[in-house]
N, C-alpha and C. Protein backbone atom coordinates (compact mmCIF):
# COMPACT_ATOMS: atom_id res chain seq x y z
N MET A 1 22.80 -1.14 308.66
CA MET A 1 22.89 -2.37 309.93
C MET A 1 24.12 -1.32 310.94
N PRO A 2 23.89 -1.10 312.07
CA PRO A 2 25.23 -0.16 312.79
C PRO A 2 26.46 -1.12 313.43
N HIS A 3 27.61 -0.02 312.76
CA HIS A 3 29.07 -0.64 312.88
C HIS A 3 29.04 -0.69 314.71
N PRO A 4 29.44 -1.82 314.84
CA PRO A 4 29.88 -3.31 316.12
C PRO A 4 30.47 -1.78 317.02
N THR A 5 32.11 -0.97 315.97
CA THR A 5 31.97 -0.63 317.08
C THR A 5 31.56 0.65 317.94
N ASP A 6 29.99 1.42 317.36
CA ASP A 6 29.20 1.54 317.86
C ASP A 6 28.12 1.56 318.85
N ARG A 7 27.84 -0.25 318.88
CA ARG A 7 27.18 -0.54 320.65
C ARG A 7 28.35 -0.50 321.59
N ALA A 8 26.58 -0.68 322.60
CA ALA A 8 26.96 -0.83 323.70
C ALA A 8 27.60 -2.60 324.04
N PRO A 9 28.60 -2.80 324.39
CA PRO A 9 28.95 -4.36 324.67
C PRO A 9 28.09 -4.51 325.89
N ALA A 10 26.51 -4.82 326.19
CA ALA A 10 26.29 -5.30 327.09
C ALA A 10 26.54 -6.15 327.36
N ASP A 11 26.28 -7.37 326.63
CA ASP A 11 26.60 -8.52 326.63
C ASP A 11 27.67 -9.60 326.35
N GLY A 12 28.42 -8.96 326.84
CA GLY A 12 30.04 -9.36 325.89
C GLY A 12 30.27 -9.61 327.88
N ARG A 13 31.63 -10.22 327.49
CA ARG A 13 32.18 -10.38 329.07
C ARG A 13 33.30 -9.71 329.25
N GLU A 14 33.87 -9.08 330.44
CA GLU A 14 34.94 -7.93 330.52
C GLU A 14 36.06 -8.32 331.55
N ASP A 15 37.39 -8.28 330.37
CA ASP A 15 38.68 -9.42 331.54
C ASP A 15 39.27 -8.62 332.27
N ALA A 16 40.19 -8.37 332.94
CA ALA A 16 40.79 -7.95 333.80
C ALA A 16 41.54 -6.59 333.28
N ASP A 17 41.79 -6.64 332.20
CA ASP A 17 42.21 -5.70 330.89
C ASP A 17 41.48 -4.71 330.88
N GLY A 18 40.41 -4.76 330.99
CA GLY A 18 38.77 -4.35 330.57
C GLY A 18 38.27 -4.40 329.07
N GLY A 19 39.11 -5.30 328.31
CA GLY A 19 38.36 -5.61 327.03
C GLY A 19 37.72 -7.17 326.80
N ILE A 20 36.61 -6.84 326.24
CA ILE A 20 35.14 -7.62 326.04
C ILE A 20 35.68 -8.46 325.10
N TRP A 21 34.84 -9.55 326.10
CA TRP A 21 34.85 -10.72 324.30
C TRP A 21 33.30 -11.58 325.18
N PHE A 22 33.44 -11.77 323.34
CA PHE A 22 32.09 -12.82 323.07
C PHE A 22 31.63 -13.96 322.62
N THR A 23 31.17 -14.84 322.94
CA THR A 23 30.96 -16.02 322.66
C THR A 23 30.13 -15.27 321.21
N VAL A 24 30.39 -17.02 320.37
CA VAL A 24 29.62 -16.65 318.74
C VAL A 24 28.14 -16.21 319.27
N ARG A 25 27.86 -16.37 320.11
CA ARG A 25 26.07 -16.50 319.98
C ARG A 25 26.34 -14.72 320.16
N GLU A 26 27.33 -14.46 321.87
CA GLU A 26 26.27 -12.80 322.18
C GLU A 26 27.81 -12.02 320.45
N ALA A 27 28.21 -12.15 319.90
CA ALA A 27 29.46 -11.91 318.54
C ALA A 27 28.15 -11.76 317.66
N ALA A 28 26.97 -12.08 317.73
CA ALA A 28 26.34 -12.43 316.85
C ALA A 28 25.18 -11.57 316.57
N ALA A 29 24.86 -11.62 318.66
CA ALA A 29 23.46 -10.31 318.77
C ALA A 29 24.41 -9.33 319.12
N PHE A 30 25.62 -8.65 319.25
CA PHE A 30 26.24 -7.94 319.18
C PHE A 30 26.81 -6.84 317.61
N ILE A 31 26.38 -7.68 316.73
CA ILE A 31 26.57 -7.47 315.30
C ILE A 31 25.63 -6.70 314.62
N GLY A 32 24.08 -7.29 315.05
CA GLY A 32 22.72 -7.75 314.39
C GLY A 32 22.50 -8.56 313.76
N GLY A 33 23.63 -9.86 313.48
CA GLY A 33 23.76 -11.49 312.51
C GLY A 33 22.73 -12.68 313.00
N SER A 34 23.70 -13.52 312.77
CA SER A 34 23.43 -14.12 313.51
C SER A 34 24.40 -15.30 313.62
N PRO A 35 23.96 -16.38 314.24
CA PRO A 35 25.50 -17.13 314.37
C PRO A 35 26.22 -17.88 313.46
N GLN A 36 25.49 -17.86 312.40
CA GLN A 36 25.44 -18.82 310.98
C GLN A 36 26.45 -17.71 310.39
N THR A 37 26.72 -16.62 310.41
CA THR A 37 27.51 -15.10 310.27
C THR A 37 29.04 -15.07 310.25
N ILE A 38 29.08 -16.04 311.64
CA ILE A 38 30.24 -15.45 312.82
C ILE A 38 30.78 -17.08 312.15
N TYR A 39 30.20 -17.68 312.17
CA TYR A 39 30.41 -19.07 311.81
C TYR A 39 31.53 -18.87 310.11
N SER A 40 30.29 -18.45 309.64
CA SER A 40 31.04 -17.74 307.71
C SER A 40 32.36 -17.39 308.41
N TRP A 41 32.36 -16.03 309.25
CA TRP A 41 33.51 -16.25 309.40
C TRP A 41 34.75 -16.39 309.67
N GLU A 42 34.81 -16.87 310.51
CA GLU A 42 36.07 -18.11 311.52
C GLU A 42 35.87 -19.28 309.74
N ARG A 43 35.18 -19.04 309.17
CA ARG A 43 34.99 -20.47 307.88
C ARG A 43 36.44 -19.32 306.91
N ARG A 44 36.06 -17.99 306.80
CA ARG A 44 36.97 -17.66 305.69
C ARG A 44 38.18 -16.94 306.10
N GLY A 45 38.54 -17.32 307.59
CA GLY A 45 39.80 -17.04 308.00
C GLY A 45 40.02 -15.31 308.81
N HIS A 46 38.62 -14.32 308.68
CA HIS A 46 37.64 -13.33 309.68
C HIS A 46 38.31 -12.86 311.06
N LEU A 47 37.80 -14.45 311.30
CA LEU A 47 37.79 -14.85 313.02
C LEU A 47 39.18 -16.00 312.78
N THR A 48 39.88 -15.34 313.76
CA THR A 48 41.28 -16.02 313.69
C THR A 48 41.49 -16.35 314.97
N ASN A 49 42.38 -17.12 315.63
CA ASN A 49 42.89 -17.38 317.16
C ASN A 49 41.62 -16.85 318.44
N PRO A 50 40.50 -17.66 318.36
CA PRO A 50 39.71 -17.61 319.33
C PRO A 50 40.17 -18.00 320.83
N ARG A 51 40.02 -17.29 321.77
CA ARG A 51 40.71 -18.29 323.23
C ARG A 51 39.56 -19.01 323.08
N HIS A 52 38.97 -19.06 324.87
CA HIS A 52 38.26 -20.29 324.94
C HIS A 52 37.75 -19.90 326.53
N ASP A 53 36.11 -20.04 326.59
CA ASP A 53 35.71 -19.31 328.11
C ASP A 53 36.45 -20.81 329.20
N GLU A 54 35.50 -20.09 330.09
CA GLU A 54 35.83 -21.90 330.89
C GLU A 54 34.44 -22.99 330.50
N HIS A 55 34.32 -22.85 329.98
CA HIS A 55 33.07 -24.01 329.58
C HIS A 55 33.10 -24.36 327.90
N GLY A 56 34.79 -24.40 327.83
CA GLY A 56 35.48 -24.27 326.58
C GLY A 56 34.48 -23.61 325.08
N ARG A 57 33.73 -22.92 325.62
CA ARG A 57 33.54 -21.88 324.31
C ARG A 57 34.71 -21.10 323.71
N ARG A 58 33.85 -21.25 322.12
CA ARG A 58 35.48 -19.90 321.93
C ARG A 58 34.07 -18.76 321.79
N ILE A 59 35.82 -17.86 321.42
CA ILE A 59 35.81 -15.78 322.31
C ILE A 59 36.42 -15.61 321.88
N TYR A 60 35.51 -14.53 321.68
CA TYR A 60 36.33 -13.50 320.65
C TYR A 60 36.11 -11.88 321.09
N SER A 61 36.94 -10.87 321.10
CA SER A 61 37.28 -9.85 321.11
C SER A 61 36.23 -9.10 320.36
N GLN A 62 36.05 -7.79 321.69
CA GLN A 62 35.09 -6.38 320.92
C GLN A 62 35.98 -7.00 319.39
N GLN A 63 37.22 -6.10 319.17
CA GLN A 63 38.12 -5.45 318.47
C GLN A 63 37.54 -7.06 317.64
N GLN A 64 37.88 -8.00 317.75
CA GLN A 64 38.35 -9.09 316.94
C GLN A 64 36.71 -8.73 315.42
N ILE A 65 35.75 -9.13 316.48
CA ILE A 65 34.29 -8.80 315.74
C ILE A 65 34.37 -7.93 315.21
N ALA A 66 34.96 -6.90 315.36
CA ALA A 66 34.42 -5.06 314.32
C ALA A 66 35.35 -5.29 313.37
N ASP A 67 37.06 -5.91 313.49
CA ASP A 67 37.78 -6.05 312.44
C ASP A 67 37.38 -7.27 311.59
N ALA A 68 36.32 -7.95 311.72
CA ALA A 68 35.60 -8.95 310.95
C ALA A 68 34.56 -8.68 309.71
N HIS A 69 33.19 -7.61 310.88
CA HIS A 69 32.64 -6.86 310.45
C HIS A 69 33.31 -5.55 308.89
N ARG A 70 34.48 -5.36 309.63
CA ARG A 70 34.49 -4.23 308.44
C ARG A 70 35.41 -5.02 307.47
N THR A 71 35.57 -6.45 307.35
CA THR A 71 36.45 -7.02 306.25
C THR A 71 35.53 -7.17 305.14
N ALA A 72 34.54 -8.29 306.03
CA ALA A 72 33.08 -8.42 305.65
C ALA A 72 32.84 -7.03 305.23
N ARG A 73 32.39 -6.45 304.94
CA ARG A 73 32.19 -5.56 304.10
C ARG A 73 33.05 -5.02 303.36
N GLN A 74 33.85 -4.84 303.58
CA GLN A 74 34.82 -4.63 302.41
C GLN A 74 34.60 -5.15 301.59
N ASN A 75 34.62 -6.72 301.39
CA ASN A 75 35.41 -7.46 301.00
C ASN A 75 33.68 -7.60 299.80
N THR A 76 31.91 -7.37 300.57
CA THR A 76 30.90 -7.81 299.81
C THR A 76 31.08 -5.77 299.59
N ALA A 77 31.71 -4.93 299.50
CA ALA A 77 31.67 -3.65 298.82
C ALA A 77 32.49 -4.48 297.11
N ALA A 78 33.59 -5.02 297.59
CA ALA A 78 34.64 -5.35 295.76
C ALA A 78 34.25 -5.95 294.96
N VAL A 79 33.27 -6.61 295.43
CA VAL A 79 32.05 -7.93 294.71
C VAL A 79 31.08 -7.29 293.94
N ARG A 80 30.67 -6.31 294.61
CA ARG A 80 29.49 -5.03 293.94
C ARG A 80 30.11 -4.34 292.77
N ARG A 81 31.38 -3.85 293.11
CA ARG A 81 32.36 -3.09 292.17
C ARG A 81 32.29 -3.81 290.76
N ILE A 82 32.89 -5.22 291.13
CA ILE A 82 33.17 -6.49 290.03
C ILE A 82 31.85 -6.41 289.17
N ALA A 83 31.29 -6.62 289.78
CA ALA A 83 29.64 -7.21 288.97
C ALA A 83 29.03 -6.24 288.61
């Protein structure tokens, strides 16, 4: 799976400062996963403090998504080493 920072932020929303923001569905498409993956990251605390868009949907920055993806990969690798 490609790393999230290697992908173009085509489906995200750019704010005035140039930051890219994703809804849960857009974030899932960005990482090549499913919305359930994003919800799982939220439950596990990998994604915290979401902003909300004009429709009240949670949105996360490209950096938040990349950091959560990295943390999830590290946790998976650690579990595999233990098992």
